[in-house]
Amino acid sequence: MDVMQLMKQAQDMKKKMEAAQAELANESFEAESGWGMVKAVVNGRGVLKGLTFKPEFLQKDPDFIEETIIKAVNQAMGAANKAGEKKIGAIAGPLKGLMGQ
């Protein structure tokens, strides 16, 4: 493979990565915690877009409230990260072959 072909492939891959990142930014990932009392929604870039909870949730112990919110947000971010890795990995897969991995 000559240098020009390699550069073209790199440019194509960059465009595909940018498109995938834009798609992920528009996708939503949600998770619930505390037996459905809290729901967190993040986009594919891991930005928290929504946090909802049942009214009775606020009557719980403050430590439980904190733990439950953190768990819901982390689970939603984990789902977003997993989707991103899958999407970007599918694009970057050919690089592994070029790098001998």
PDB file of N, CA and C in Angstrom:
ATOM      1  N   MET A   1       0.847  -1.172   0.000  1.00  0.00           N
ATOM      2  CA  MET A   1       0.000   0.000   0.000  1.00  0.00           C
ATOM      3  C   MET A   1       0.898   1.242   0.000  1.00  0.00           C
ATOM      4  N   ASP A   2       0.624   2.142  -0.919  1.00  0.00           N
ATOM      5  CA  ASP A   2       1.467   3.334  -0.971  1.00  0.00           C
ATOM      6  C   ASP A   2       0.958   4.398   0.007  1.00  0.00           C
ATOM      7  N   VAL A   3       1.742   5.434   0.170  1.00  0.00           N
ATOM      8  CA  VAL A   3       1.460   6.484   1.139  1.00  0.00           C
ATOM      9  C   VAL A   3       0.154   7.208   0.813  1.00  0.00           C
ATOM     10  N   MET A   4      -0.127   7.444  -0.445  1.00  0.00           N
ATOM     11  CA  MET A   4      -1.349   8.149  -0.839  1.00  0.00           C
ATOM     12  C   MET A   4      -2.596   7.340  -0.456  1.00  0.00           C
ATOM     13  N   GLN A   5      -2.549   6.043  -0.678  1.00  0.00           N
ATOM     14  CA  GLN A   5      -3.680   5.189  -0.300  1.00  0.00           C
ATOM     15  C   GLN A   5      -3.874   5.195   1.221  1.00  0.00           C
ATOM     16  N   LEU A   6      -2.766   5.135   1.924  1.00  0.00           N
ATOM     17  CA  LEU A   6      -2.809   5.143   3.377  1.00  0.00           C
ATOM     18  C   LEU A   6      -3.393   6.457   3.899  1.00  0.00           C
ATOM     19  N   MET A   7      -3.004   7.564   3.299  1.00  0.00           N
ATOM     20  CA  MET A   7      -3.523   8.872   3.705  1.00  0.00           C
ATOM     21  C   MET A   7      -5.018   8.970   3.409  1.00  0.00           C
ATOM     22  N   LYS A   8      -5.443   8.447   2.274  1.00  0.00           N
ATOM     23  CA  LYS A   8      -6.859   8.470   1.917  1.00  0.00           C
ATOM     24  C   LYS A   8      -7.665   7.641   2.910  1.00  0.00           C
ATOM     25  N   GLN A   9      -7.145   6.468   3.257  1.00  0.00           N
ATOM     26  CA  GLN A   9      -7.832   5.620   4.232  1.00  0.00           C
ATOM     27  C   GLN A   9      -7.929   6.324   5.584  1.00  0.00           C
ATOM     28  N   ALA A  10      -6.867   7.009   5.977  1.00  0.00           N
ATOM     29  CA  ALA A  10      -6.879   7.733   7.257  1.00  0.00           C
ATOM     30  C   ALA A  10      -7.921   8.849   7.227  1.00  0.00           C
ATOM     31  N   GLN A  11      -8.031   9.554   6.120  1.00  0.00           N
ATOM     32  CA  GLN A  11      -9.023  10.623   5.995  1.00  0.00           C
ATOM     33  C   GLN A  11     -10.442  10.050   6.029  1.00  0.00           C
ATOM     34  N   ASP A  12     -10.646   8.947   5.338  1.00  0.00           N
ATOM     35  CA  ASP A  12     -11.961   8.297   5.343  1.00  0.00           C
ATOM     36  C   ASP A  12     -12.335   7.847   6.752  1.00  0.00           C
ATOM     37  N   MET A  13     -11.364   7.274   7.448  1.00  0.00           N
ATOM     38  CA  MET A  13     -11.610   6.803   8.806  1.00  0.00           C
ATOM     39  C   MET A  13     -11.934   7.981   9.728  1.00  0.00           C
ATOM     40  N   LYS A  14     -11.245   9.080   9.554  1.00  0.00           N
ATOM     41  CA  LYS A  14     -11.498  10.269  10.369  1.00  0.00           C
ATOM     42  C   LYS A  14     -12.935  10.761  10.152  1.00  0.00           C
ATOM     43  N   LYS A  15     -13.385  10.786   8.902  1.00  0.00           N
ATOM     44  CA  LYS A  15     -14.756  11.212   8.599  1.00  0.00           C
ATOM     45  C   LYS A  15     -15.774  10.266   9.246  1.00  0.00           C
ATOM     46  N   LYS A  16     -15.489   8.969   9.167  1.00  0.00           N
ATOM     47  CA  LYS A  16     -16.390   7.984   9.758  1.00  0.00           C
ATOM     48  C   LYS A  16     -16.434   8.139  11.284  1.00  0.00           C
ATOM     49  N   MET A  17     -15.297   8.401  11.896  1.00  0.00           N
ATOM     50  CA  MET A  17     -15.233   8.593  13.348  1.00  0.00           C
ATOM     51  C   MET A  17     -16.022   9.829  13.758  1.00  0.00           C
ATOM     52  N   GLU A  18     -15.871  10.903  13.015  1.00  0.00           N
ATOM     53  CA  GLU A  18     -16.601  12.132  13.317  1.00  0.00           C
ATOM     54  C   GLU A  18     -18.109  11.908  13.181  1.00  0.00           C
ATOM     55  N   ALA A  19     -18.505  11.186  12.144  1.00  0.00           N
ATOM     56  CA  ALA A  19     -19.930  10.888  11.954  1.00  0.00           C
ATOM     57  C   ALA A  19     -20.453  10.016  13.092  1.00  0.00           C
ATOM     58  N   ALA A  20     -19.668   9.035  13.503  1.00  0.00           N
ATOM     59  CA  ALA A  20     -20.078   8.154  14.600  1.00  0.00           C
ATOM     60  C   ALA A  20     -20.213   8.941  15.900  1.00  0.00           C
ATOM     61  N   GLN A  21     -19.299   9.852  16.154  1.00  0.00           N
ATOM     62  CA  GLN A  21     -19.369  10.667  17.364  1.00  0.00           C
ATOM     63  C   GLN A  21     -20.591  11.573  17.337  1.00  0.00           C
ATOM     64  N   ALA A  22     -20.919  12.116  16.174  1.00  0.00           N
ATOM     65  CA  ALA A  22     -22.111  12.954  16.046  1.00  0.00           C
ATOM     66  C   ALA A  22     -23.376  12.119  16.294  1.00  0.00           C
ATOM     67  N   GLU A  23     -23.397  10.902  15.766  1.00  0.00           N
ATOM     68  CA  GLU A  23     -24.537  10.012  16.001  1.00  0.00           C
ATOM     69  C   GLU A  23     -24.683   9.708  17.490  1.00  0.00           C
ATOM     70  N   LEU A  24     -23.571   9.410  18.133  1.00  0.00           N
ATOM     71  CA  LEU A  24     -23.611   9.091  19.555  1.00  0.00           C
ATOM     72  C   LEU A  24     -24.117  10.268  20.382  1.00  0.00           C
ATOM     73  N   ALA A  25     -23.752  11.476  19.977  1.00  0.00           N
ATOM     74  CA  ALA A  25     -24.197  12.659  20.716  1.00  0.00           C
ATOM     75  C   ALA A  25     -25.712  12.798  20.671  1.00  0.00           C
ATOM     76  N   ASN A  26     -26.343  12.244  19.648  1.00  0.00           N
ATOM     77  CA  ASN A  26     -27.791  12.334  19.504  1.00  0.00           C
ATOM     78  C   ASN A  26     -28.537  11.135  20.076  1.00  0.00           C
ATOM     79  N   GLU A  27     -27.802  10.137  20.523  1.00  0.00           N
ATOM     80  CA  GLU A  27     -28.431   8.958  21.110  1.00  0.00           C
ATOM     81  C   GLU A  27     -28.583   9.146  22.617  1.00  0.00           C
ATOM     82  N   SER A  28     -29.603   8.543  23.175  1.00  0.00           N
ATOM     83  CA  SER A  28     -29.834   8.606  24.618  1.00  0.00           C
ATOM     84  C   SER A  28     -29.668   7.222  25.234  1.00  0.00           C
ATOM     85  N   PHE A  29     -29.099   7.210  26.411  1.00  0.00           N
ATOM     86  CA  PHE A  29     -28.907   5.973  27.168  1.00  0.00           C
ATOM     87  C   PHE A  29     -29.441   6.224  28.563  1.00  0.00           C
ATOM     88  N   GLU A  30     -30.272   5.314  29.034  1.00  0.00           N
ATOM     89  CA  GLU A  30     -30.861   5.530  30.348  1.00  0.00           C
ATOM     90  C   GLU A  30     -30.691   4.313  31.231  1.00  0.00           C
ATOM     91  N   ALA A  31     -30.742   4.585  32.523  1.00  0.00           N
ATOM     92  CA  ALA A  31     -30.648   3.517  33.516  1.00  0.00           C
ATOM     93  C   ALA A  31     -31.479   3.917  34.720  1.00  0.00           C
ATOM     94  N   GLU A  32     -32.000   2.906  35.391  1.00  0.00           N
ATOM     95  CA  GLU A  32     -32.778   3.121  36.605  1.00  0.00           C
ATOM     96  C   GLU A  32     -32.040   2.528  37.787  1.00  0.00           C
ATOM     97  N   SER A  33     -32.323   3.084  38.939  1.00  0.00           N
ATOM     98  CA  SER A  33     -31.709   2.607  40.170  1.00  0.00           C
ATOM     99  C   SER A  33     -32.723   2.754  41.307  1.00  0.00           C
ATOM    100  N   GLY A  34     -32.454   2.092  42.406  1.00  0.00           N
ATOM    101  CA  GLY A  34     -33.336   2.203  43.561  1.00  0.00           C
ATOM    102  C   GLY A  34     -34.721   1.687  43.293  1.00  0.00           C
ATOM    103  N   TRP A  35     -34.795   0.528  42.669  1.00  0.00           N
ATOM    104  CA  TRP A  35     -36.069  -0.109  42.338  1.00  0.00           C
ATOM    105  C   TRP A  35     -36.954   0.803  41.487  1.00  0.00           C
ATOM    106  N   GLY A  36     -36.307   1.495  40.557  1.00  0.00           N
ATOM    107  CA  GLY A  36     -37.043   2.353  39.637  1.00  0.00           C
ATOM    108  C   GLY A  36     -37.363   3.739  40.175  1.00  0.00           C
ATOM    109  N   MET A  37     -36.806   4.088  41.309  1.00  0.00           N
ATOM    110  CA  MET A  37     -37.092   5.400  41.883  1.00  0.00           C
ATOM    111  C   MET A  37     -36.344   6.524  41.178  1.00  0.00           C
ATOM    112  N   VAL A  38     -35.201   6.205  40.573  1.00  0.00           N
ATOM    113  CA  VAL A  38     -34.381   7.206  39.892  1.00  0.00           C
ATOM    114  C   VAL A  38     -34.099   6.725  38.478  1.00  0.00           C
ATOM    115  N   LYS A  39     -34.208   7.654  37.527  1.00  0.00           N
ATOM    116  CA  LYS A  39     -33.843   7.343  36.147  1.00  0.00           C
ATOM    117  C   LYS A  39     -32.909   8.438  35.654  1.00  0.00           C
ATOM    118  N   ALA A  40     -31.755   8.019  35.130  1.00  0.00           N
ATOM    119  CA  ALA A  40     -30.782   8.949  34.571  1.00  0.00           C
ATOM    120  C   ALA A  40     -30.712   8.730  33.066  1.00  0.00           C
ATOM    121  N   VAL A  41     -30.594   9.818  32.326  1.00  0.00           N
ATOM    122  CA  VAL A  41     -30.471   9.761  30.876  1.00  0.00           C
ATOM    123  C   VAL A  41     -29.224  10.555  30.481  1.00  0.00           C
ATOM    124  N   VAL A  42     -28.344   9.914  29.723  1.00  0.00           N
ATOM    125  CA  VAL A  42     -27.147  10.578  29.206  1.00  0.00           C
ATOM    126  C   VAL A  42     -27.112  10.412  27.697  1.00  0.00           C
ATOM    127  N   ASN A  43     -26.369  11.288  27.027  1.00  0.00           N
ATOM    128  CA  ASN A  43     -26.184  11.091  25.596  1.00  0.00           C
ATOM    129  C   ASN A  43     -24.933  10.249  25.376  1.00  0.00           C
ATOM    130  N   GLY A  44     -24.635   9.955  24.134  1.00  0.00           N
ATOM    131  CA  GLY A  44     -23.512   9.090  23.804  1.00  0.00           C
ATOM    132  C   GLY A  44     -22.154   9.674  24.122  1.00  0.00           C
ATOM    133  N   ARG A  45     -22.120  10.930  24.467  1.00  0.00           N
ATOM    134  CA  ARG A  45     -20.863  11.558  24.888  1.00  0.00           C
ATOM    135  C   ARG A  45     -20.743  11.597  26.406  1.00  0.00           C
ATOM    136  N   GLY A  46     -21.720  10.996  27.084  1.00  0.00           N
ATOM    137  CA  GLY A  46     -21.674  10.929  28.538  1.00  0.00           C
ATOM    138  C   GLY A  46     -22.181  12.171  29.242  1.00  0.00           C
ATOM    139  N   VAL A  47     -22.897  13.024  28.530  1.00  0.00           N
ATOM    140  CA  VAL A  47     -23.446  14.236  29.133  1.00  0.00           C
ATOM    141  C   VAL A  47     -24.810  13.905  29.734  1.00  0.00           C
ATOM    142  N   LEU A  48     -24.981  14.222  31.005  1.00  0.00           N
ATOM    143  CA  LEU A  48     -26.247  13.972  31.682  1.00  0.00           C
ATOM    144  C   LEU A  48     -27.315  14.881  31.083  1.00  0.00           C
ATOM    145  N   LYS A  49     -28.372  14.276  30.543  1.00  0.00           N
ATOM    146  CA  LYS A  49     -29.437  15.030  29.883  1.00  0.00           C
ATOM    147  C   LYS A  49     -30.715  15.067  30.708  1.00  0.00           C
ATOM    148  N   GLY A  50     -30.871  14.133  31.621  1.00  0.00           N
ATOM    149  CA  GLY A  50     -32.075  14.108  32.427  1.00  0.00           C
ATOM    150  C   GLY A  50     -31.904  13.256  33.663  1.00  0.00           C
ATOM    151  N   LEU A  51     -32.586  13.653  34.718  1.00  0.00           N
ATOM    152  CA  LEU A  51     -32.570  12.904  35.964  1.00  0.00           C
ATOM    153  C   LEU A  51     -33.965  13.037  36.560  1.00  0.00           C
ATOM    154  N   THR A  52     -34.678  11.932  36.614  1.00  0.00           N
ATOM    155  CA  THR A  52     -36.031  11.967  37.166  1.00  0.00           C
ATOM    156  C   THR A  52     -36.116  10.994  38.328  1.00  0.00           C
ATOM    157  N   PHE A  53     -37.029  11.282  39.213  1.00  0.00           N
ATOM    158  CA  PHE A  53     -37.211  10.415  40.364  1.00  0.00           C
ATOM    159  C   PHE A  53     -38.650  10.494  40.835  1.00  0.00           C
ATOM    160  N   LYS A  54     -39.054   9.461  41.545  1.00  0.00           N
ATOM    161  CA  LYS A  54     -40.394   9.428  42.124  1.00  0.00           C
ATOM    162  C   LYS A  54     -40.405  10.336  43.351  1.00  0.00           C
ATOM    163  N   PRO A  55     -41.508  11.045  43.575  1.00  0.00           N
ATOM    164  CA  PRO A  55     -41.566  11.997  44.698  1.00  0.00           C
ATOM    165  C   PRO A  55     -41.203  11.390  46.058  1.00  0.00           C
ATOM    166  N   GLU A  56     -41.629  10.171  46.299  1.00  0.00           N
ATOM    167  CA  GLU A  56     -41.341   9.556  47.608  1.00  0.00           C
ATOM    168  C   GLU A  56     -39.847   9.275  47.804  1.00  0.00           C
ATOM    169  N   PHE A  57     -39.105   9.311  46.720  1.00  0.00           N
ATOM    170  CA  PHE A  57     -37.663   9.083  46.792  1.00  0.00           C
ATOM    171  C   PHE A  57     -36.993  10.103  47.702  1.00  0.00           C
ATOM    172  N   LEU A  58     -37.439  11.336  47.680  1.00  0.00           N
ATOM    173  CA  LEU A  58     -36.810  12.391  48.477  1.00  0.00           C
ATOM    174  C   LEU A  58     -37.053  12.226  49.983  1.00  0.00           C
ATOM    175  N   GLN A  59     -37.906  11.316  50.355  1.00  0.00           N
ATOM    176  CA  GLN A  59     -38.170  11.067  51.767  1.00  0.00           C
ATOM    177  C   GLN A  59     -37.221  10.004  52.332  1.00  0.00           C
ATOM    178  N   LYS A  60     -36.369   9.473  51.488  1.00  0.00           N
ATOM    179  CA  LYS A  60     -35.439   8.430  51.913  1.00  0.00           C
ATOM    180  C   LYS A  60     -34.247   9.040  52.641  1.00  0.00           C
ATOM    181  N   ASP A  61     -33.413   8.163  53.172  1.00  0.00           N
ATOM    182  CA  ASP A  61     -32.178   8.536  53.838  1.00  0.00           C
ATOM    183  C   ASP A  61     -31.255   9.263  52.850  1.00  0.00           C
ATOM    184  N   PRO A  62     -30.617  10.372  53.244  1.00  0.00           N
ATOM    185  CA  PRO A  62     -29.744  11.118  52.319  1.00  0.00           C
ATOM    186  C   PRO A  62     -28.633  10.270  51.690  1.00  0.00           C
ATOM    187  N   ASP A  63     -28.071   9.344  52.466  1.00  0.00           N
ATOM    188  CA  ASP A  63     -27.021   8.482  51.900  1.00  0.00           C
ATOM    189  C   ASP A  63     -27.582   7.586  50.802  1.00  0.00           C
ATOM    190  N   PHE A  64     -28.776   7.063  51.028  1.00  0.00           N
ATOM    191  CA  PHE A  64     -29.438   6.225  50.020  1.00  0.00           C
ATOM    192  C   PHE A  64     -29.728   7.048  48.763  1.00  0.00           C
ATOM    193  N   ILE A  65     -30.187   8.274  48.948  1.00  0.00           N
ATOM    194  CA  ILE A  65     -30.480   9.153  47.808  1.00  0.00           C
ATOM    195  C   ILE A  65     -29.222   9.371  46.977  1.00  0.00           C
ATOM    196  N   GLU A  66     -28.143   9.713  47.640  1.00  0.00           N
ATOM    197  CA  GLU A  66     -26.877   9.962  46.937  1.00  0.00           C
ATOM    198  C   GLU A  66     -26.399   8.714  46.200  1.00  0.00           C
ATOM    199  N   GLU A  67     -26.367   7.593  46.872  1.00  0.00           N
ATOM    200  CA  GLU A  67     -25.902   6.345  46.264  1.00  0.00           C
ATOM    201  C   GLU A  67     -26.759   5.956  45.063  1.00  0.00           C
ATOM    202  N   THR A  68     -28.057   6.128  45.196  1.00  0.00           N
ATOM    203  CA  THR A  68     -28.983   5.727  44.140  1.00  0.00           C
ATOM    204  C   THR A  68     -28.818   6.602  42.902  1.00  0.00           C
ATOM    205  N   ILE A  69     -28.666   7.895  43.104  1.00  0.00           N
ATOM    206  CA  ILE A  69     -28.460   8.809  41.970  1.00  0.00           C
ATOM    207  C   ILE A  69     -27.146   8.501  41.277  1.00  0.00           C
ATOM    208  N   ILE A  70     -26.092   8.333  42.053  1.00  0.00           N
ATOM    209  CA  ILE A  70     -24.774   8.026  41.471  1.00  0.00           C
ATOM    210  C   ILE A  70     -24.826   6.725  40.683  1.00  0.00           C
ATOM    211  N   LYS A  71     -25.484   5.734  41.241  1.00  0.00           N
ATOM    212  CA  LYS A  71     -25.571   4.433  40.556  1.00  0.00           C
ATOM    213  C   LYS A  71     -26.311   4.561  39.235  1.00  0.00           C
ATOM    214  N   ALA A  72     -27.435   5.263  39.216  1.00  0.00           N
ATOM    215  CA  ALA A  72     -28.202   5.423  37.973  1.00  0.00           C
ATOM    216  C   ALA A  72     -27.385   6.165  36.918  1.00  0.00           C
ATOM    217  N   VAL A  73     -26.717   7.240  37.331  1.00  0.00           N
ATOM    218  CA  VAL A  73     -25.911   8.022  36.377  1.00  0.00           C
ATOM    219  C   VAL A  73     -24.756   7.178  35.849  1.00  0.00           C
ATOM    220  N   ASN A  74     -24.066   6.476  36.735  1.00  0.00           N
ATOM    221  CA  ASN A  74     -22.932   5.645  36.298  1.00  0.00           C
ATOM    222  C   ASN A  74     -23.371   4.522  35.362  1.00  0.00           C
ATOM    223  N   GLN A  75     -24.517   3.925  35.625  1.00  0.00           N
ATOM    224  CA  GLN A  75     -25.002   2.860  34.744  1.00  0.00           C
ATOM    225  C   GLN A  75     -25.357   3.413  33.362  1.00  0.00           C
ATOM    226  N   ALA A  76     -25.978   4.567  33.322  1.00  0.00           N
ATOM    227  CA  ALA A  76     -26.318   5.176  32.033  1.00  0.00           C
ATOM    228  C   ALA A  76     -25.047   5.549  31.276  1.00  0.00           C
ATOM    229  N   MET A  77     -24.066   6.108  31.971  1.00  0.00           N
ATOM    230  CA  MET A  77     -22.795   6.451  31.323  1.00  0.00           C
ATOM    231  C   MET A  77     -22.070   5.197  30.844  1.00  0.00           C
ATOM    232  N   GLY A  78     -22.158   4.131  31.617  1.00  0.00           N
ATOM    233  CA  GLY A  78     -21.549   2.870  31.201  1.00  0.00           C
ATOM    234  C   GLY A  78     -22.165   2.350  29.914  1.00  0.00           C
ATOM    235  N   ALA A  79     -23.482   2.466  29.800  1.00  0.00           N
ATOM    236  CA  ALA A  79     -24.158   2.035  28.572  1.00  0.00           C
ATOM    237  C   ALA A  79     -23.731   2.900  27.391  1.00  0.00           C
ATOM    238  N   ALA A  80     -23.593   4.197  27.623  1.00  0.00           N
ATOM    239  CA  ALA A  80     -23.149   5.105  26.560  1.00  0.00           C
ATOM    240  C   ALA A  80     -21.718   4.779  26.141  1.00  0.00           C
ATOM    241  N   ASN A  81     -20.856   4.537  27.109  1.00  0.00           N
ATOM    242  CA  ASN A  81     -19.461   4.194  26.801  1.00  0.00           C
ATOM    243  C   ASN A  81     -19.360   2.890  26.016  1.00  0.00           C
ATOM    244  N   LYS A  82     -20.134   1.919  26.425  1.00  0.00           N
ATOM    245  CA  LYS A  82     -20.120   0.617  25.737  1.00  0.00           C
ATOM    246  C   LYS A  82     -20.572   0.772  24.284  1.00  0.00           C
ATOM    247  N   ALA A  83     -21.622   1.554  24.065  1.00  0.00           N
ATOM    248  CA  ALA A  83     -22.098   1.791  22.699  1.00  0.00           C
ATOM    249  C   ALA A  83     -21.051   2.536  21.889  1.00  0.00           C
ATOM    250  N   GLY A  84     -20.394   3.497  22.510  1.00  0.00           N
ATOM    251  CA  GLY A  84     -19.344   4.250  21.820  1.00  0.00           C
ATOM    252  C   GLY A  84     -18.165   3.372  21.449  1.00  0.00           C
ATOM    253  N   GLU A  85     -17.746   2.532  22.378  1.00  0.00           N
ATOM    254  CA  GLU A  85     -16.635   1.622  22.095  1.00  0.00           C
ATOM    255  C   GLU A  85     -16.979   0.683  20.943  1.00  0.00           C
ATOM    256  N   LYS A  86     -18.208   0.219  20.937  1.00  0.00           N
ATOM    257  CA  LYS A  86     -18.630  -0.702  19.881  1.00  0.00           C
ATOM    258  C   LYS A  86     -18.631   0.012  18.522  1.00  0.00           C
ATOM    259  N   LYS A  87     -19.205   1.215  18.504  1.00  0.00           N
ATOM    260  CA  LYS A  87     -19.318   1.957  17.258  1.00  0.00           C
ATOM    261  C   LYS A  87     -17.945   2.395  16.740  1.00  0.00           C
ATOM    262  N   ILE A  88     -17.130   2.931  17.621  1.00  0.00           N
ATOM    263  CA  ILE A  88     -15.796   3.397  17.223  1.00  0.00           C
ATOM    264  C   ILE A  88     -14.894   2.196  16.927  1.00  0.00           C
ATOM    265  N   GLY A  89     -15.050   1.127  17.698  1.00  0.00           N
ATOM    266  CA  GLY A  89     -14.246  -0.078  17.468  1.00  0.00           C
ATOM    267  C   GLY A  89     -14.490  -0.679  16.100  1.00  0.00           C
ATOM    268  N   ALA A  90     -15.735  -0.607  15.629  1.00  0.00           N
ATOM    269  CA  ALA A  90     -16.055  -1.141  14.306  1.00  0.00           C
ATOM    270  C   ALA A  90     -15.352  -0.336  13.215  1.00  0.00           C
ATOM    271  N   ILE A  91     -15.187   0.944  13.465  1.00  0.00           N
ATOM    272  CA  ILE A  91     -14.514   1.804  12.481  1.00  0.00           C
ATOM    273  C   ILE A  91     -13.002   1.632  12.571  1.00  0.00           C
ATOM    274  N   ALA A  92     -12.488   1.569  13.789  1.00  0.00           N
ATOM    275  CA  ALA A  92     -11.043   1.513  13.999  1.00  0.00           C
ATOM    276  C   ALA A  92     -10.476   0.104  13.851  1.00  0.00           C
ATOM    277  N   GLY A  93     -11.336  -0.888  13.724  1.00  0.00           N
ATOM    278  CA  GLY A  93     -10.878  -2.269  13.613  1.00  0.00           C
ATOM    279  C   GLY A  93      -9.778  -2.501  12.593  1.00  0.00           C
ATOM    280  N   PRO A  94      -9.902  -1.952  11.380  1.00  0.00           N
ATOM    281  CA  PRO A  94      -8.852  -2.157  10.388  1.00  0.00           C
ATOM    282  C   PRO A  94      -7.480  -1.637  10.816  1.00  0.00           C
ATOM    283  N   LEU A  95      -7.439  -0.668  11.718  1.00  0.00           N
ATOM    284  CA  LEU A  95      -6.165  -0.146  12.199  1.00  0.00           C
ATOM    285  C   LEU A  95      -5.366  -1.208  12.949  1.00  0.00           C
ATOM    286  N   LYS A  96      -6.063  -2.071  13.667  1.00  0.00           N
ATOM    287  CA  LYS A  96      -5.369  -3.106  14.422  1.00  0.00           C
ATOM    288  C   LYS A  96      -4.543  -3.996  13.504  1.00  0.00           C
ATOM    289  N   GLY A  97      -5.091  -4.283  12.346  1.00  0.00           N
ATOM    290  CA  GLY A  97      -4.360  -5.093  11.381  1.00  0.00           C
ATOM    291  C   GLY A  97      -3.134  -4.392  10.846  1.00  0.00           C
ATOM    292  N   LEU A  98      -3.241  -3.104  10.640  1.00  0.00           N
ATOM    293  CA  LEU A  98      -2.115  -2.319  10.144  1.00  0.00           C
ATOM    294  C   LEU A  98      -1.013  -2.185  11.187  1.00  0.00           C
ATOM    295  N   MET A  99      -1.408  -2.194  12.466  1.00  0.00           N
ATOM    296  CA  MET A  99      -0.448  -1.996  13.531  1.00  0.00           C
ATOM    297  C   MET A  99       0.071  -3.325  14.091  1.00  0.00           C
ATOM    298  N   GLY A 100      -0.348  -4.407  13.493  1.00  0.00           N
ATOM    299  CA  GLY A 100       0.156  -5.716  13.906  1.00  0.00           C
ATOM    300  C   GLY A 100      -0.447  -6.225  15.201  1.00  0.00           C
ATOM    301  N   GLN A 101      -1.638  -5.765  15.566  1.00  0.00           N
ATOM    302  CA  GLN A 101      -2.253  -6.212  16.826  1.00  0.00           C
ATOM    303  C   GLN A 101      -3.322  -7.235  16.562  1.00  0.00           C
TER     304      GLN A 101
END
